[in-house]
Amino acid sequence: MKKKIFISIAMVALVSFKPIEKTTWALDKNHAKLGFMVTHMMVSDVEGWFKTFDATLTSTKADFADAEVELTAEVKSINTDIEMRDKDLRSGNFFDVEKYPTLTFKSKSFKRVKDNVYKVSGDLTICGITKTIELDAMCRMGENPMSKKIIAGFKISGTLKRSDFGIGPKTPNAIVGDEIQIVSNAEFNKN
């Protein structure tokens, strides 16, 4: 009798089980920038960004506490506002875009630290080398008054070492700093 009751309860649970659905958020490329900053000659900072990139964000929780993010950028779209420098960055001296046309990031954890502040850990691949990095993210949410869709904006920051990824191995740190600051913004639309 007990076995029949257990089986009946198990069957009801299985029939009524609804899998947790992931919400997908699409990048609004008009309101996003994948930027970086590096010290030049130990005295000034040079800023740059990648013009062509895409990212997706998925989460089952409204507060993004279990979010997953994936990003891909075309390295040849690097821009520092000086074409001669950009050509050098695209060459084998730095990124070697012919051999390594994209960089990617795939999150492994997206943890809420407090209120709207998160620590995002994931694998970054540049020049064929994959390393785990940690980023800080601040999120703000609202409703787009025109589309009436829910939007989420993220301000992302962090650091990495170019030497960890084999970027510019022959360039001394006194000319181009080893530490690269990530300074990015991304707005996502809820699908």
C-alpha atoms as a PDB file:
ATOM      1  CA  MET A   1       0.000   0.000   0.000  1.00  0.00           C
ATOM      2  CA  LYS A   2       2.765   2.443   0.943  1.00  0.00           C
ATOM      3  CA  LYS A   3       4.531   1.642  -2.313  1.00  0.00           C
ATOM      4  CA  LYS A   4       1.387   2.497  -4.336  1.00  0.00           C
ATOM      5  CA  ILE A   5       0.967   5.797  -2.497  1.00  0.00           C
ATOM      6  CA  PHE A   6       4.627   6.707  -3.099  1.00  0.00           C
ATOM      7  CA  ILE A   7       4.352   5.838  -6.794  1.00  0.00           C
ATOM      8  CA  SER A   8       1.133   7.882  -7.086  1.00  0.00           C
ATOM      9  CA  ILE A   9       2.757  10.912  -5.444  1.00  0.00           C
ATOM     10  CA  ALA A  10       5.823  10.545  -7.660  1.00  0.00           C
ATOM     11  CA  MET A  11       3.640  10.374 -10.790  1.00  0.00           C
ATOM     12  CA  VAL A  12       1.690  13.503  -9.783  1.00  0.00           C
ATOM     13  CA  ALA A  13       4.969  15.339  -9.103  1.00  0.00           C
ATOM     14  CA  LEU A  14       6.395  14.348 -12.472  1.00  0.00           C
ATOM     15  CA  VAL A  15       3.260  15.324 -14.375  1.00  0.00           C
ATOM     16  CA  SER A  16       3.002  18.706 -12.639  1.00  0.00           C
ATOM     17  CA  PHE A  17       6.747  19.436 -12.849  1.00  0.00           C
ATOM     18  CA  LYS A  18       7.454  22.531 -14.880  1.00  0.00           C
ATOM     19  CA  PRO A  19      11.112  23.095 -15.815  1.00  0.00           C
ATOM     20  CA  ILE A  20      12.613  26.439 -14.876  1.00  0.00           C
ATOM     21  CA  GLU A  21      12.714  28.587 -17.978  1.00  0.00           C
ATOM     22  CA  LYS A  22      15.674  30.734 -18.871  1.00  0.00           C
ATOM     23  CA  THR A  23      15.069  34.287 -19.973  1.00  0.00           C
ATOM     24  CA  THR A  24      17.273  35.446 -22.825  1.00  0.00           C
ATOM     25  CA  TRP A  25      18.434  39.036 -23.028  1.00  0.00           C
ATOM     26  CA  ALA A  26      19.706  40.435 -26.351  1.00  0.00           C
ATOM     27  CA  LEU A  27      22.481  43.007 -26.559  1.00  0.00           C
ATOM     28  CA  ASP A  28      21.432  46.465 -27.718  1.00  0.00           C
ATOM     29  CA  LYS A  29      24.502  47.231 -29.829  1.00  0.00           C
ATOM     30  CA  ASN A  30      23.555  50.910 -30.060  1.00  0.00           C
ATOM     31  CA  HIS A  31      23.998  51.218 -26.303  1.00  0.00           C
ATOM     32  CA  ALA A  32      27.047  49.053 -25.654  1.00  0.00           C
ATOM     33  CA  LYS A  33      30.802  49.517 -25.708  1.00  0.00           C
ATOM     34  CA  LEU A  34      33.530  46.923 -25.198  1.00  0.00           C
ATOM     35  CA  GLY A  35      36.385  49.133 -24.080  1.00  0.00           C
ATOM     36  CA  PHE A  36      39.825  48.929 -22.535  1.00  0.00           C
ATOM     37  CA  MET A  37      42.568  51.187 -21.234  1.00  0.00           C
ATOM     38  CA  VAL A  38      46.332  50.663 -20.982  1.00  0.00           C
ATOM     39  CA  THR A  39      49.196  52.812 -19.721  1.00  0.00           C
ATOM     40  CA  HIS A  40      51.538  54.231 -22.365  1.00  0.00           C
ATOM     41  CA  MET A  41      55.163  55.095 -21.536  1.00  0.00           C
ATOM     42  CA  MET A  42      54.263  54.799 -17.820  1.00  0.00           C
ATOM     43  CA  VAL A  43      52.668  58.279 -17.848  1.00  0.00           C
ATOM     44  CA  SER A  44      49.398  58.350 -19.791  1.00  0.00           C
ATOM     45  CA  ASP A  45      46.475  56.081 -20.599  1.00  0.00           C
ATOM     46  CA  VAL A  46      45.412  55.010 -24.062  1.00  0.00           C
ATOM     47  CA  GLU A  47      41.794  54.022 -24.513  1.00  0.00           C
ATOM     48  CA  GLY A  48      40.383  51.717 -27.139  1.00  0.00           C
ATOM     49  CA  TRP A  49      37.422  49.520 -27.954  1.00  0.00           C
ATOM     50  CA  PHE A  50      36.198  46.799 -30.247  1.00  0.00           C
ATOM     51  CA  LYS A  51      33.637  48.089 -32.740  1.00  0.00           C
ATOM     52  CA  THR A  52      32.163  44.695 -33.627  1.00  0.00           C
ATOM     53  CA  PHE A  53      30.985  42.404 -30.862  1.00  0.00           C
ATOM     54  CA  ASP A  54      27.904  40.563 -29.650  1.00  0.00           C
ATOM     55  CA  ALA A  55      26.780  39.130 -26.347  1.00  0.00           C
ATOM     56  CA  THR A  56      23.865  37.202 -24.914  1.00  0.00           C
ATOM     57  CA  LEU A  57      22.695  37.022 -21.330  1.00  0.00           C
ATOM     58  CA  THR A  58      20.461  34.291 -19.937  1.00  0.00           C
ATOM     59  CA  SER A  59      19.031  33.871 -16.463  1.00  0.00           C
ATOM     60  CA  THR A  60      16.290  32.001 -14.650  1.00  0.00           C
ATOM     61  CA  LYS A  61      16.230  34.549 -11.811  1.00  0.00           C
ATOM     62  CA  ALA A  62      14.950  38.120 -12.092  1.00  0.00           C
ATOM     63  CA  ASP A  63      17.909  39.434 -10.065  1.00  0.00           C
ATOM     64  CA  PHE A  64      20.496  37.778 -12.412  1.00  0.00           C
ATOM     65  CA  ALA A  65      21.965  35.780  -9.497  1.00  0.00           C
ATOM     66  CA  ASP A  66      22.356  32.757 -11.803  1.00  0.00           C
ATOM     67  CA  ALA A  67      22.999  34.592 -15.073  1.00  0.00           C
ATOM     68  CA  GLU A  68      25.217  33.309 -17.852  1.00  0.00           C
ATOM     69  CA  VAL A  69      26.871  35.580 -20.366  1.00  0.00           C
ATOM     70  CA  GLU A  70      28.671  34.827 -23.611  1.00  0.00           C
ATOM     71  CA  LEU A  71      30.539  37.400 -25.673  1.00  0.00           C
ATOM     72  CA  THR A  72      32.402  37.318 -28.986  1.00  0.00           C
ATOM     73  CA  ALA A  73      34.345  40.226 -30.475  1.00  0.00           C
ATOM     74  CA  GLU A  74      36.068  40.625 -33.833  1.00  0.00           C
ATOM     75  CA  VAL A  75      39.619  41.601 -32.919  1.00  0.00           C
ATOM     76  CA  LYS A  76      40.208  43.311 -36.285  1.00  0.00           C
ATOM     77  CA  SER A  77      37.577  45.861 -35.212  1.00  0.00           C
ATOM     78  CA  ILE A  78      39.944  47.230 -32.543  1.00  0.00           C
ATOM     79  CA  ASN A  79      39.984  51.022 -32.524  1.00  0.00           C
ATOM     80  CA  THR A  80      42.146  53.503 -30.625  1.00  0.00           C
ATOM     81  CA  ASP A  81      41.455  56.438 -32.978  1.00  0.00           C
ATOM     82  CA  ILE A  82      44.953  56.190 -34.510  1.00  0.00           C
ATOM     83  CA  GLU A  83      45.010  53.990 -37.623  1.00  0.00           C
ATOM     84  CA  MET A  84      48.786  53.394 -37.526  1.00  0.00           C
ATOM     85  CA  ARG A  85      48.532  52.075 -33.943  1.00  0.00           C
ATOM     86  CA  ASP A  86      45.438  50.020 -34.800  1.00  0.00           C
ATOM     87  CA  LYS A  87      47.277  48.343 -37.706  1.00  0.00           C
ATOM     88  CA  ASP A  88      50.123  47.473 -35.339  1.00  0.00           C
ATOM     89  CA  LEU A  89      47.669  46.057 -32.789  1.00  0.00           C
ATOM     90  CA  ARG A  90      46.076  43.885 -35.515  1.00  0.00           C
ATOM     91  CA  SER A  91      49.484  42.589 -36.652  1.00  0.00           C
ATOM     92  CA  GLY A  92      51.536  39.680 -35.342  1.00  0.00           C
ATOM     93  CA  ASN A  93      53.197  42.144 -32.955  1.00  0.00           C
ATOM     94  CA  PHE A  94      50.086  42.071 -30.754  1.00  0.00           C
ATOM     95  CA  PHE A  95      46.794  40.313 -31.599  1.00  0.00           C
ATOM     96  CA  ASP A  96      47.665  38.584 -34.911  1.00  0.00           C
ATOM     97  CA  VAL A  97      44.088  38.887 -36.199  1.00  0.00           C
ATOM     98  CA  GLU A  98      44.766  36.716 -39.246  1.00  0.00           C
ATOM     99  CA  LYS A  99      45.484  33.780 -36.942  1.00  0.00           C
ATOM    100  CA  TYR A 100      43.156  34.753 -34.058  1.00  0.00           C
ATOM    101  CA  PRO A 101      40.204  36.704 -35.508  1.00  0.00           C
ATOM    102  CA  THR A 102      37.990  36.648 -32.405  1.00  0.00           C
ATOM    103  CA  LEU A 103      38.157  36.922 -28.656  1.00  0.00           C
ATOM    104  CA  THR A 104      35.523  35.248 -26.499  1.00  0.00           C
ATOM    105  CA  PHE A 105      34.259  35.321 -22.940  1.00  0.00           C
ATOM    106  CA  LYS A 106      32.009  32.694 -21.348  1.00  0.00           C
ATOM    107  CA  SER A 107      30.938  33.144 -17.748  1.00  0.00           C
ATOM    108  CA  LYS A 108      31.306  30.373 -15.180  1.00  0.00           C
ATOM    109  CA  SER A 109      29.619  32.225 -12.314  1.00  0.00           C
ATOM    110  CA  PHE A 110      27.548  35.362 -11.917  1.00  0.00           C
ATOM    111  CA  LYS A 111      27.228  36.087  -8.204  1.00  0.00           C
ATOM    112  CA  ARG A 112      25.311  38.865  -6.571  1.00  0.00           C
ATOM    113  CA  VAL A 113      27.523  40.611  -3.990  1.00  0.00           C
ATOM    114  CA  LYS A 114      24.991  43.196  -2.819  1.00  0.00           C
ATOM    115  CA  ASP A 115      22.024  45.105  -4.203  1.00  0.00           C
ATOM    116  CA  ASN A 116      22.914  45.602  -7.883  1.00  0.00           C
ATOM    117  CA  VAL A 117      26.615  44.640  -7.683  1.00  0.00           C
ATOM    118  CA  TYR A 118      27.935  41.331  -9.070  1.00  0.00           C
ATOM    119  CA  LYS A 119      31.175  39.381  -9.395  1.00  0.00           C
ATOM    120  CA  VAL A 120      31.387  37.646 -12.754  1.00  0.00           C
ATOM    121  CA  SER A 121      33.954  34.922 -13.300  1.00  0.00           C
ATOM    122  CA  GLY A 122      34.571  33.324 -16.658  1.00  0.00           C
ATOM    123  CA  ASP A 123      36.931  32.115 -19.331  1.00  0.00           C
ATOM    124  CA  LEU A 124      38.430  34.743 -21.611  1.00  0.00           C
ATOM    125  CA  THR A 125      40.134  33.543 -24.781  1.00  0.00           C
ATOM    126  CA  ILE A 126      42.506  35.877 -26.622  1.00  0.00           C
ATOM    127  CA  CYS A 127      45.169  34.841 -29.152  1.00  0.00           C
ATOM    128  CA  GLY A 128      44.254  31.188 -28.603  1.00  0.00           C
ATOM    129  CA  ILE A 129      44.976  31.371 -24.854  1.00  0.00           C
ATOM    130  CA  THR A 130      42.172  30.854 -22.339  1.00  0.00           C
ATOM    131  CA  LYS A 131      42.385  32.204 -18.789  1.00  0.00           C
ATOM    132  CA  THR A 132      39.788  32.657 -16.079  1.00  0.00           C
ATOM    133  CA  ILE A 133      39.234  36.288 -15.128  1.00  0.00           C
ATOM    134  CA  GLU A 134      36.973  38.012 -12.615  1.00  0.00           C
ATOM    135  CA  LEU A 135      34.976  41.112 -13.450  1.00  0.00           C
ATOM    136  CA  ASP A 136      32.887  43.549 -11.446  1.00  0.00           C
ATOM    137  CA  ALA A 137      29.452  44.380 -12.800  1.00  0.00           C
ATOM    138  CA  MET A 138      26.899  46.922 -11.688  1.00  0.00           C
ATOM    139  CA  CYS A 139      23.351  46.503 -12.983  1.00  0.00           C
ATOM    140  CA  ARG A 140      20.453  48.926 -13.389  1.00  0.00           C
ATOM    141  CA  MET A 141      17.049  47.894 -14.714  1.00  0.00           C
ATOM    142  CA  GLY A 142      14.073  49.753 -16.095  1.00  0.00           C
ATOM    143  CA  GLU A 143      11.486  49.905 -18.829  1.00  0.00           C
ATOM    144  CA  ASN A 144      12.194  51.390 -22.234  1.00  0.00           C
ATOM    145  CA  PRO A 145       9.478  54.056 -22.562  1.00  0.00           C
ATOM    146  CA  MET A 146       9.242  53.593 -26.339  1.00  0.00           C
ATOM    147  CA  SER A 147       9.252  49.801 -26.706  1.00  0.00           C
ATOM    148  CA  LYS A 148       7.787  49.105 -23.226  1.00  0.00           C
ATOM    149  CA  LYS A 149      10.334  46.275 -22.925  1.00  0.00           C
ATOM    150  CA  ILE A 150      12.309  45.596 -19.770  1.00  0.00           C
ATOM    151  CA  ILE A 151      15.968  46.592 -20.178  1.00  0.00           C
ATOM    152  CA  ALA A 152      19.051  45.947 -18.079  1.00  0.00           C
ATOM    153  CA  GLY A 153      22.222  47.997 -18.204  1.00  0.00           C
ATOM    154  CA  PHE A 154      25.579  46.741 -16.959  1.00  0.00           C
ATOM    155  CA  LYS A 155      28.741  48.686 -16.216  1.00  0.00           C
ATOM    156  CA  ILE A 156      31.621  46.162 -16.327  1.00  0.00           C
ATOM    157  CA  SER A 157      35.160  46.628 -15.084  1.00  0.00           C
ATOM    158  CA  GLY A 158      38.177  44.486 -14.339  1.00  0.00           C
ATOM    159  CA  THR A 159      41.825  43.977 -15.137  1.00  0.00           C
ATOM    160  CA  LEU A 160      43.911  41.431 -16.971  1.00  0.00           C
ATOM    161  CA  LYS A 161      47.548  41.092 -17.921  1.00  0.00           C
ATOM    162  CA  ARG A 162      48.386  41.160 -21.615  1.00  0.00           C
ATOM    163  CA  SER A 163      51.373  38.900 -20.902  1.00  0.00           C
ATOM    164  CA  ASP A 164      48.956  36.168 -19.726  1.00  0.00           C
ATOM    165  CA  PHE A 165      47.508  36.083 -23.247  1.00  0.00           C
ATOM    166  CA  GLY A 166      50.721  36.542 -25.230  1.00  0.00           C
ATOM    167  CA  ILE A 167      49.720  40.009 -26.443  1.00  0.00           C
ATOM    168  CA  GLY A 168      52.738  42.062 -27.540  1.00  0.00           C
ATOM    169  CA  PRO A 169      55.403  39.800 -26.002  1.00  0.00           C
ATOM    170  CA  LYS A 170      58.252  41.843 -27.496  1.00  0.00           C
ATOM    171  CA  THR A 171      56.876  45.179 -26.300  1.00  0.00           C
ATOM    172  CA  PRO A 172      58.368  46.270 -22.958  1.00  0.00           C
ATOM    173  CA  ASN A 173      55.966  47.125 -20.133  1.00  0.00           C
ATOM    174  CA  ALA A 174      57.605  50.557 -19.942  1.00  0.00           C
ATOM    175  CA  ILE A 175      56.161  51.321 -23.385  1.00  0.00           C
ATOM    176  CA  VAL A 176      52.794  49.533 -23.109  1.00  0.00           C
ATOM    177  CA  GLY A 177      51.725  48.538 -19.612  1.00  0.00           C
ATOM    178  CA  ASP A 178      51.119  44.887 -18.847  1.00  0.00           C
ATOM    179  CA  GLU A 179      47.875  45.587 -16.988  1.00  0.00           C
ATOM    180  CA  ILE A 180      44.836  46.192 -19.171  1.00  0.00           C
ATOM    181  CA  GLN A 181      41.760  47.762 -17.616  1.00  0.00           C
ATOM    182  CA  ILE A 182      38.407  46.634 -18.960  1.00  0.00           C
ATOM    183  CA  VAL A 183      35.891  49.469 -19.086  1.00  0.00           C
ATOM    184  CA  SER A 184      32.638  48.411 -20.728  1.00  0.00           C
ATOM    185  CA  ASN A 185      28.935  49.141 -20.794  1.00  0.00           C
ATOM    186  CA  ALA A 186      26.167  46.931 -22.111  1.00  0.00           C
ATOM    187  CA  GLU A 187      22.430  47.348 -22.389  1.00  0.00           C
ATOM    188  CA  PHE A 188      20.292  44.257 -22.850  1.00  0.00           C
ATOM    189  CA  ASN A 189      16.654  43.910 -23.951  1.00  0.00           C
ATOM    190  CA  LYS A 190      14.532  41.190 -22.409  1.00  0.00           C
ATOM    191  CA  ASN A 191      13.197  38.839 -25.090  1.00  0.00           C
END
